[in-house]
N, C-alpha and C. Protein backbone atom coordinates (compact mmCIF):
# COMPACT_ATOMS: atom_id res chain seq x y z
N MET A 1 26.81 -11.57 -19.63
CA MET A 1 26.73 -13.00 -19.43
C MET A 1 25.49 -13.60 -20.13
N PHE A 2 24.35 -12.91 -20.06
CA PHE A 2 23.12 -13.45 -20.64
C PHE A 2 22.65 -12.64 -21.84
N ARG A 3 23.52 -11.85 -22.43
CA ARG A 3 23.13 -10.98 -23.55
C ARG A 3 22.60 -11.78 -24.73
N HIS A 4 23.06 -12.99 -24.93
CA HIS A 4 22.59 -13.80 -26.04
C HIS A 4 21.10 -14.14 -25.91
N LEU A 5 20.55 -14.06 -24.71
CA LEU A 5 19.13 -14.35 -24.50
C LEU A 5 18.24 -13.18 -24.90
N ASP A 6 18.78 -11.97 -24.95
CA ASP A 6 17.98 -10.78 -25.27
C ASP A 6 17.24 -10.91 -26.59
N ASP A 7 17.83 -11.59 -27.55
CA ASP A 7 17.21 -11.71 -28.86
C ASP A 7 16.15 -12.81 -28.93
N HIS A 8 16.06 -13.63 -27.90
CA HIS A 8 15.17 -14.79 -27.95
C HIS A 8 14.02 -14.76 -26.95
N LEU A 9 14.08 -13.88 -26.00
CA LEU A 9 13.05 -13.85 -24.97
C LEU A 9 12.11 -12.66 -25.20
N PRO A 10 10.81 -12.86 -25.00
CA PRO A 10 9.87 -11.75 -25.18
C PRO A 10 9.97 -10.75 -24.02
N VAL A 11 9.46 -9.56 -24.26
CA VAL A 11 9.38 -8.55 -23.21
C VAL A 11 8.31 -9.00 -22.21
N ALA A 12 8.56 -8.80 -20.95
CA ALA A 12 7.61 -9.21 -19.91
C ALA A 12 6.36 -8.34 -19.94
N MET A 13 5.26 -8.92 -19.51
CA MET A 13 3.99 -8.19 -19.42
C MET A 13 3.51 -8.26 -17.97
N GLY A 14 3.12 -7.12 -17.45
CA GLY A 14 2.62 -7.09 -16.08
C GLY A 14 1.11 -7.18 -16.03
N TYR A 15 0.59 -7.70 -14.95
CA TYR A 15 -0.85 -7.78 -14.74
C TYR A 15 -1.15 -7.23 -13.36
N VAL A 16 -2.00 -6.24 -13.30
CA VAL A 16 -2.39 -5.64 -12.04
C VAL A 16 -3.91 -5.67 -11.96
N PRO A 17 -4.48 -6.54 -11.13
CA PRO A 17 -5.94 -6.62 -11.03
C PRO A 17 -6.51 -5.39 -10.32
N TYR A 18 -7.76 -5.10 -10.62
CA TYR A 18 -8.43 -4.02 -9.92
C TYR A 18 -8.58 -4.38 -8.46
N GLN A 19 -8.38 -3.40 -7.61
CA GLN A 19 -8.52 -3.63 -6.17
C GLN A 19 -9.91 -3.20 -5.76
N LYS A 20 -10.63 -4.09 -5.11
CA LYS A 20 -11.96 -3.75 -4.59
C LYS A 20 -11.77 -3.09 -3.23
N TRP A 21 -12.56 -2.05 -2.98
CA TRP A 21 -12.48 -1.36 -1.69
C TRP A 21 -13.03 -2.29 -0.62
N GLY A 22 -12.26 -2.51 0.39
CA GLY A 22 -12.68 -3.39 1.48
C GLY A 22 -12.37 -2.74 2.81
N LYS A 23 -12.19 -3.58 3.81
CA LYS A 23 -11.88 -3.03 5.13
C LYS A 23 -10.47 -2.45 5.11
N THR A 24 -10.22 -1.55 6.04
CA THR A 24 -8.93 -0.89 6.13
C THR A 24 -8.39 -1.01 7.55
N PHE A 25 -7.07 -0.85 7.66
CA PHE A 25 -6.44 -0.83 8.98
C PHE A 25 -6.76 0.49 9.69
N GLU A 26 -6.70 0.45 11.00
CA GLU A 26 -6.72 1.68 11.79
C GLU A 26 -5.45 2.45 11.46
N LEU A 27 -5.46 3.76 11.64
CA LEU A 27 -4.34 4.62 11.25
C LEU A 27 -3.01 4.16 11.85
N CYS A 28 -2.96 3.87 13.13
CA CYS A 28 -1.70 3.46 13.77
C CYS A 28 -1.14 2.18 13.15
N LYS A 29 -2.01 1.21 12.91
CA LYS A 29 -1.58 -0.05 12.30
C LYS A 29 -1.11 0.20 10.86
N ALA A 30 -1.84 1.04 10.12
CA ALA A 30 -1.47 1.36 8.74
C ALA A 30 -0.09 2.00 8.68
N LEU A 31 0.22 2.87 9.61
CA LEU A 31 1.54 3.50 9.64
C LEU A 31 2.63 2.49 9.97
N GLN A 32 2.32 1.51 10.80
CA GLN A 32 3.31 0.48 11.17
C GLN A 32 3.63 -0.43 9.99
N VAL A 33 2.61 -0.83 9.23
CA VAL A 33 2.82 -1.81 8.16
C VAL A 33 3.01 -1.18 6.79
N GLY A 34 2.75 0.13 6.65
CA GLY A 34 3.02 0.82 5.39
C GLY A 34 1.89 0.83 4.39
N THR A 35 0.71 0.39 4.77
CA THR A 35 -0.45 0.44 3.88
C THR A 35 -1.71 0.48 4.72
N ILE A 36 -2.74 1.07 4.15
CA ILE A 36 -4.02 1.11 4.86
C ILE A 36 -4.87 -0.11 4.53
N PHE A 37 -4.48 -0.85 3.46
CA PHE A 37 -5.26 -1.98 3.00
C PHE A 37 -4.64 -3.32 3.44
N PRO A 38 -5.38 -4.13 4.22
CA PRO A 38 -4.86 -5.42 4.66
C PRO A 38 -4.46 -6.33 3.49
N ASP A 39 -5.16 -6.26 2.37
CA ASP A 39 -4.84 -7.10 1.22
C ASP A 39 -3.46 -6.79 0.64
N LEU A 40 -2.95 -5.57 0.87
CA LEU A 40 -1.65 -5.18 0.35
C LEU A 40 -0.53 -5.35 1.37
N CYS A 41 -0.85 -5.83 2.54
CA CYS A 41 0.15 -6.01 3.59
C CYS A 41 0.84 -7.35 3.36
N LYS A 42 2.00 -7.29 2.71
CA LYS A 42 2.77 -8.49 2.37
C LYS A 42 4.18 -8.33 2.93
N PRO A 43 4.39 -8.63 4.21
CA PRO A 43 5.72 -8.44 4.81
C PRO A 43 6.76 -9.35 4.17
N PHE A 44 7.97 -8.84 4.05
CA PHE A 44 9.08 -9.62 3.52
C PHE A 44 9.61 -10.52 4.63
N CYS A 45 9.67 -11.80 4.36
CA CYS A 45 10.07 -12.76 5.39
C CYS A 45 11.51 -13.24 5.24
N GLY A 46 12.24 -12.68 4.33
CA GLY A 46 13.64 -13.04 4.18
C GLY A 46 13.86 -14.18 3.20
N LYS A 47 15.09 -14.49 2.99
CA LYS A 47 15.49 -15.53 2.05
C LYS A 47 14.88 -16.88 2.44
N GLY A 48 14.34 -17.55 1.47
CA GLY A 48 13.78 -18.88 1.72
C GLY A 48 12.35 -18.86 2.20
N GLY A 49 11.74 -17.67 2.34
CA GLY A 49 10.34 -17.61 2.75
C GLY A 49 10.10 -18.08 4.16
N GLY A 50 11.02 -17.80 5.04
CA GLY A 50 10.86 -18.20 6.43
C GLY A 50 9.64 -17.60 7.08
N VAL A 51 9.32 -18.05 8.23
CA VAL A 51 8.14 -17.56 8.96
C VAL A 51 8.42 -16.16 9.49
N CYS A 52 7.50 -15.24 9.19
CA CYS A 52 7.63 -13.86 9.71
C CYS A 52 7.23 -13.84 11.17
N ARG A 53 7.96 -13.05 11.93
CA ARG A 53 7.62 -12.94 13.36
C ARG A 53 7.37 -11.52 13.72
């Protein structure tokens, strides 16, 4: 469907900033949320960006 765009669009470039070491979650909280770093805790709130509960 969008193959005609392949010849006209550039390849995407990713940017990953350096992470500074900061405070960390306690082990139990880290296991619940899937990361030890609060800055990386980005829960998925569903379609439309609804409020996470």
